[in-house]
Amino acid sequence: MCAQSYVSAEEVRQALRQIYRDDSETNLQNALAQSLADELKPVNEKGRWKPSPLLVLVFVLLCALTAVFLYFSIGVRP
């Protein structure tokens, strides 16, 4: 057998890095953005990321609860 038919460990590592770099599921930032995006239309007409309506609702409720907490803990002084 000739030596050219063997693949070195470094070549395998480089090939695996290239495969995993292109895969969107292994990239944490892309996977998180994809999971928090709208299921029906993840990108709007301008090409921007569109968040899930449930994510927006949770954010608004969290802001409202924080505002109520701050009002009753700091804002109300007799």
N, C-alpha and C. Protein backbone atom coordinates (compact mmCIF):
# COMPACT_ATOMS: atom_id res chain seq x y z
N MET A 1 0.83 -1.18 0.00
CA MET A 1 0.00 0.00 0.00
C MET A 1 0.88 1.25 0.00
N CYS A 2 0.47 2.24 -0.73
CA CYS A 2 1.24 3.47 -0.77
C CYS A 2 0.80 4.39 0.37
N ALA A 3 1.68 5.29 0.74
CA ALA A 3 1.43 6.17 1.87
C ALA A 3 0.38 7.23 1.56
N GLN A 4 0.08 7.48 0.30
CA GLN A 4 -0.89 8.52 -0.06
C GLN A 4 -2.33 8.09 0.21
N SER A 5 -2.58 6.83 0.38
CA SER A 5 -3.94 6.37 0.60
C SER A 5 -4.38 6.51 2.05
N TYR A 6 -3.45 6.77 2.96
CA TYR A 6 -3.79 6.93 4.37
C TYR A 6 -4.13 8.39 4.68
N VAL A 7 -5.02 8.56 5.63
CA VAL A 7 -5.41 9.90 6.06
C VAL A 7 -4.83 10.13 7.45
N SER A 8 -4.19 11.25 7.62
CA SER A 8 -3.59 11.54 8.91
C SER A 8 -4.66 12.02 9.89
N ALA A 9 -4.31 11.97 11.17
CA ALA A 9 -5.25 12.40 12.20
C ALA A 9 -5.54 13.89 12.08
N GLU A 10 -4.55 14.67 11.68
CA GLU A 10 -4.75 16.10 11.53
C GLU A 10 -5.72 16.42 10.38
N GLU A 11 -5.65 15.67 9.31
CA GLU A 11 -6.59 15.87 8.20
C GLU A 11 -8.01 15.54 8.61
N VAL A 12 -8.17 14.51 9.43
CA VAL A 12 -9.50 14.15 9.93
C VAL A 12 -10.04 15.25 10.83
N ARG A 13 -9.17 15.79 11.70
CA ARG A 13 -9.60 16.88 12.59
C ARG A 13 -10.03 18.10 11.78
N GLN A 14 -9.27 18.43 10.77
CA GLN A 14 -9.62 19.59 9.94
C GLN A 14 -10.95 19.37 9.22
N ALA A 15 -11.17 18.16 8.72
CA ALA A 15 -12.42 17.86 8.03
C ALA A 15 -13.61 17.92 8.99
N LEU A 16 -13.44 17.40 10.21
CA LEU A 16 -14.52 17.46 11.19
C LEU A 16 -14.81 18.89 11.63
N ARG A 17 -13.77 19.70 11.80
CA ARG A 17 -13.99 21.11 12.14
C ARG A 17 -14.78 21.81 11.04
N GLN A 18 -14.45 21.53 9.81
CA GLN A 18 -15.15 22.16 8.69
C GLN A 18 -16.62 21.73 8.65
N ILE A 19 -16.88 20.46 8.91
CA ILE A 19 -18.25 19.96 8.90
C ILE A 19 -19.06 20.60 10.03
N TYR A 20 -18.50 20.61 11.25
CA TYR A 20 -19.22 21.16 12.39
C TYR A 20 -19.33 22.67 12.33
N ARG A 21 -18.42 23.36 11.68
CA ARG A 21 -18.50 24.80 11.54
C ARG A 21 -19.69 25.19 10.66
N ASP A 22 -19.97 24.39 9.65
CA ASP A 22 -21.07 24.69 8.73
C ASP A 22 -22.43 24.23 9.25
N ASP A 23 -22.46 23.37 10.27
CA ASP A 23 -23.71 22.84 10.78
C ASP A 23 -24.35 23.85 11.74
N SER A 24 -25.58 24.22 11.49
CA SER A 24 -26.24 25.24 12.31
C SER A 24 -26.64 24.71 13.68
N GLU A 25 -26.84 23.41 13.82
CA GLU A 25 -27.27 22.86 15.11
C GLU A 25 -26.13 22.81 16.11
N THR A 26 -24.89 22.76 15.67
CA THR A 26 -23.77 22.71 16.60
C THR A 26 -23.31 24.09 17.01
N ASN A 27 -23.72 25.12 16.32
CA ASN A 27 -23.39 26.48 16.69
C ASN A 27 -24.43 26.95 17.71
N LEU A 28 -23.98 27.25 18.93
CA LEU A 28 -24.90 27.57 20.02
C LEU A 28 -25.69 28.84 19.74
N GLN A 29 -25.06 29.83 19.19
CA GLN A 29 -25.75 31.09 18.91
C GLN A 29 -26.84 30.89 17.85
N ASN A 30 -26.53 30.17 16.80
CA ASN A 30 -27.54 29.92 15.76
C ASN A 30 -28.66 29.03 16.27
N ALA A 31 -28.33 28.02 17.08
CA ALA A 31 -29.36 27.13 17.61
C ALA A 31 -30.29 27.86 18.56
N LEU A 32 -29.75 28.76 19.38
CA LEU A 32 -30.58 29.52 20.30
C LEU A 32 -31.48 30.50 19.54
N ALA A 33 -30.93 31.17 18.55
CA ALA A 33 -31.74 32.09 17.75
C ALA A 33 -32.83 31.35 16.99
N GLN A 34 -32.52 30.16 16.52
CA GLN A 34 -33.51 29.37 15.78
C GLN A 34 -34.61 28.87 16.70
N SER A 35 -34.27 28.52 17.94
CA SER A 35 -35.29 28.02 18.86
C SER A 35 -36.19 29.14 19.40
N LEU A 36 -35.67 30.37 19.46
CA LEU A 36 -36.47 31.50 19.95
C LEU A 36 -37.17 32.26 18.84
N ALA A 37 -36.97 31.85 17.61
CA ALA A 37 -37.60 32.54 16.48
C ALA A 37 -39.03 32.07 16.30
N ASP A 38 -39.79 32.86 15.55
CA ASP A 38 -41.17 32.51 15.23
C ASP A 38 -41.17 31.27 14.35
N GLU A 39 -42.04 30.31 14.67
CA GLU A 39 -42.04 29.04 13.94
C GLU A 39 -42.57 29.19 12.51
N LEU A 40 -43.56 30.06 12.34
CA LEU A 40 -44.17 30.19 11.02
C LEU A 40 -43.35 31.05 10.07
N LYS A 41 -42.79 32.13 10.58
CA LYS A 41 -42.03 33.05 9.73
C LYS A 41 -40.85 33.58 10.55
N PRO A 42 -39.72 32.86 10.60
CA PRO A 42 -38.60 33.26 11.45
C PRO A 42 -37.89 34.53 10.99
N VAL A 43 -38.10 34.93 9.72
CA VAL A 43 -37.45 36.13 9.19
C VAL A 43 -38.52 37.01 8.58
N ASN A 44 -38.45 38.33 8.87
CA ASN A 44 -39.47 39.23 8.30
C ASN A 44 -39.11 39.62 6.87
N GLU A 45 -39.84 40.56 6.32
CA GLU A 45 -39.66 40.95 4.92
C GLU A 45 -38.30 41.59 4.65
N LYS A 46 -37.74 42.25 5.65
CA LYS A 46 -36.45 42.91 5.49
C LYS A 46 -35.27 41.98 5.77
N GLY A 47 -35.55 40.73 6.12
CA GLY A 47 -34.49 39.78 6.39
C GLY A 47 -34.01 39.76 7.83
N ARG A 48 -34.72 40.44 8.70
CA ARG A 48 -34.34 40.47 10.11
C ARG A 48 -35.00 39.34 10.86
N TRP A 49 -34.35 38.95 11.98
CA TRP A 49 -34.85 37.88 12.84
C TRP A 49 -36.14 38.32 13.51
N LYS A 50 -37.13 37.44 13.53
CA LYS A 50 -38.43 37.75 14.12
C LYS A 50 -38.63 36.85 15.34
N PRO A 51 -38.78 37.44 16.54
CA PRO A 51 -38.92 36.61 17.75
C PRO A 51 -40.29 35.94 17.82
N SER A 52 -40.35 34.91 18.62
CA SER A 52 -41.58 34.18 18.83
C SER A 52 -42.56 35.05 19.62
N PRO A 53 -43.85 34.98 19.31
CA PRO A 53 -44.84 35.75 20.08
C PRO A 53 -44.86 35.36 21.56
N LEU A 54 -44.60 34.10 21.86
CA LEU A 54 -44.55 33.67 23.25
C LEU A 54 -43.37 34.32 23.97
N LEU A 55 -42.25 34.45 23.30
CA LEU A 55 -41.08 35.11 23.88
C LEU A 55 -41.38 36.58 24.17
N VAL A 56 -42.06 37.24 23.27
CA VAL A 56 -42.43 38.65 23.46
C VAL A 56 -43.40 38.78 24.64
N LEU A 57 -44.36 37.89 24.74
CA LEU A 57 -45.33 37.93 25.83
C LEU A 57 -44.64 37.72 27.17
N VAL A 58 -43.74 36.77 27.26
CA VAL A 58 -43.01 36.51 28.51
C VAL A 58 -42.17 37.73 28.88
N PHE A 59 -41.54 38.36 27.90
CA PHE A 59 -40.73 39.54 28.17
C PHE A 59 -41.59 40.70 28.70
N VAL A 60 -42.75 40.92 28.12
CA VAL A 60 -43.64 41.99 28.56
C VAL A 60 -44.15 41.72 29.97
N LEU A 61 -44.53 40.47 30.25
CA LEU A 61 -45.00 40.14 31.59
C LEU A 61 -43.89 40.28 32.63
N LEU A 62 -42.68 39.91 32.28
CA LEU A 62 -41.55 40.06 33.18
C LEU A 62 -41.27 41.54 33.46
N CYS A 63 -41.36 42.37 32.45
CA CYS A 63 -41.18 43.81 32.64
C CYS A 63 -42.28 44.38 33.53
N ALA A 64 -43.51 43.94 33.34
CA ALA A 64 -44.62 44.42 34.17
C ALA A 64 -44.45 44.00 35.62
N LEU A 65 -44.06 42.76 35.84
CA LEU A 65 -43.83 42.29 37.21
C LEU A 65 -42.68 43.04 37.87
N THR A 66 -41.64 43.32 37.13
CA THR A 66 -40.52 44.09 37.67
C THR A 66 -40.95 45.50 38.01
N ALA A 67 -41.76 46.12 37.17
CA ALA A 67 -42.25 47.48 37.44
C ALA A 67 -43.13 47.51 38.68
N VAL A 68 -44.00 46.52 38.86
CA VAL A 68 -44.85 46.45 40.04
C VAL A 68 -44.00 46.26 41.29
N PHE A 69 -43.01 45.38 41.21
CA PHE A 69 -42.13 45.16 42.35
C PHE A 69 -41.38 46.43 42.73
N LEU A 70 -40.82 47.12 41.74
CA LEU A 70 -40.09 48.35 42.02
C LEU A 70 -41.01 49.44 42.55
N TYR A 71 -42.22 49.51 42.06
CA TYR A 71 -43.17 50.52 42.55
C TYR A 71 -43.49 50.31 44.01
N PHE A 72 -43.77 49.08 44.41
CA PHE A 72 -44.15 48.82 45.77
C PHE A 72 -42.97 48.71 46.73
N SER A 73 -41.77 48.49 46.24
CA SER A 73 -40.62 48.42 47.13
C SER A 73 -39.88 49.74 47.25
N ILE A 74 -39.80 50.51 46.17
CA ILE A 74 -39.06 51.76 46.19
C ILE A 74 -39.98 52.97 46.05
N GLY A 75 -40.96 52.89 45.21
CA GLY A 75 -41.77 54.05 44.84
C GLY A 75 -42.72 54.51 45.91
N VAL A 76 -43.31 53.62 46.67
CA VAL A 76 -44.32 54.00 47.65
C VAL A 76 -43.62 54.25 48.98
N ARG A 77 -43.55 55.53 49.35
CA ARG A 77 -42.98 55.93 50.66
C ARG A 77 -43.99 56.81 51.37
N PRO A 78 -44.37 56.45 52.61
CA PRO A 78 -45.35 57.30 53.33
C PRO A 78 -44.75 58.58 53.85
